[in-house]
Amino acid sequence: MEASASRLVVPQFWLRAEHQKTPQQDNGSDCGVFSVQTLDALARGKDLTKPEEWEFGATNMPYIRDLMIYEIGQQKLEPRWPKEQ
């Protein structure tokens, strides 16, 4: 059976969590980088309902873009920040 937008099933155990202090992009081109880094942070076990768990922002985007290119080329994730090493 094919899933369609009108029949999309969302598990009841999913929790929508929002926080006012999430990082915000300051241009119209970094939304994908923010999305990937948010998923990366969750995969690394960060509790993103806590503001102190957000470790990146708009000022980090040039570095993070380069880091993502490197990781894709190396097929390996690197530590994000010194405390992760």
Protein backbone atom coordinates (compact mmCIF):
# COMPACT_ATOMS: atom_id res chain seq x y z
CA MET A 1 0.00 0.00 0.00
CA GLU A 2 1.37 3.43 -0.94
CA ALA A 3 1.52 6.21 1.62
CA SER A 4 0.05 9.52 0.59
CA ALA A 5 0.13 12.91 2.25
CA SER A 6 -3.53 12.58 3.16
CA ARG A 7 -2.92 9.19 4.79
CA LEU A 8 0.36 9.91 6.54
CA VAL A 9 0.53 8.06 9.84
CA VAL A 10 2.49 9.72 12.62
CA PRO A 11 3.29 7.50 15.61
CA GLN A 12 1.46 8.61 18.74
CA PHE A 13 4.64 8.35 20.81
CA TRP A 14 6.36 11.15 18.86
CA LEU A 15 6.80 14.30 20.90
CA ARG A 16 6.89 17.75 19.38
CA ALA A 17 9.37 19.83 21.33
CA GLU A 18 10.03 23.48 20.69
CA HIS A 19 12.25 25.97 22.41
CA GLN A 20 12.48 29.69 21.85
CA LYS A 21 16.29 29.68 21.91
CA THR A 22 16.91 27.33 18.99
CA PRO A 23 19.55 28.56 16.55
CA GLN A 24 18.22 30.70 13.72
CA GLN A 25 19.67 31.10 10.28
CA ASP A 26 20.41 34.63 9.14
CA ASN A 27 20.08 34.04 5.40
CA GLY A 28 17.94 32.14 2.93
CA SER A 29 20.42 29.40 2.09
CA ASP A 30 21.43 27.58 5.28
CA CYS A 31 18.14 25.84 6.12
CA GLY A 32 19.46 22.47 4.92
CA VAL A 33 22.62 22.81 6.99
CA PHE A 34 20.55 23.67 10.08
CA SER A 35 18.26 20.69 9.43
CA VAL A 36 21.15 18.25 9.00
CA GLN A 37 22.97 19.57 12.06
CA THR A 38 19.81 19.31 14.17
CA LEU A 39 19.40 15.66 13.15
CA ASP A 40 23.12 15.09 13.75
CA ALA A 41 22.82 16.53 17.27
CA LEU A 42 19.85 14.26 18.01
CA ALA A 43 21.77 11.24 16.68
CA ARG A 44 24.65 12.16 19.00
CA GLY A 45 22.28 12.03 21.96
CA LYS A 46 21.72 15.75 22.53
CA ASP A 47 18.53 16.75 24.37
CA LEU A 48 17.48 19.64 22.18
CA THR A 49 14.70 20.67 24.53
CA LYS A 50 17.52 22.19 26.61
CA PRO A 51 19.02 25.44 25.22
CA GLU A 52 22.55 24.52 26.37
CA GLU A 53 22.52 21.45 24.10
CA TRP A 54 22.44 23.61 20.96
CA GLU A 55 26.09 23.92 19.98
CA PHE A 56 25.85 25.75 16.66
CA GLY A 57 24.38 28.90 15.20
CA ALA A 58 24.47 31.07 12.11
CA THR A 59 28.06 32.17 12.78
CA ASN A 60 29.22 28.53 12.60
CA MET A 61 27.75 27.83 9.15
CA PRO A 62 30.90 28.40 7.02
CA TYR A 63 32.85 25.96 9.21
CA ILE A 64 30.00 23.44 9.40
CA ARG A 65 29.47 23.49 5.62
CA ASP A 66 33.18 22.71 5.11
CA LEU A 67 33.04 20.04 7.82
CA MET A 68 30.03 18.37 6.18
CA ILE A 69 31.82 18.29 2.80
CA TYR A 70 34.87 16.73 4.47
CA GLU A 71 32.73 14.14 6.32
CA ILE A 72 30.94 13.14 3.13
CA GLY A 73 34.26 12.73 1.31
CA GLN A 74 35.77 10.72 4.18
CA GLN A 75 32.54 8.78 4.83
CA LYS A 76 33.06 9.40 8.54
CA LEU A 77 31.55 11.73 11.15
CA GLU A 78 33.94 13.94 13.07
CA PRO A 79 33.54 15.33 16.60
CA ARG A 80 31.68 18.62 16.44
CA TRP A 81 33.19 20.52 19.36
CA PRO A 82 36.21 20.06 21.62
CA LYS A 83 34.18 18.61 24.51
CA GLU A 84 33.13 15.72 22.23
CA GLN A 85 36.70 14.57 21.54
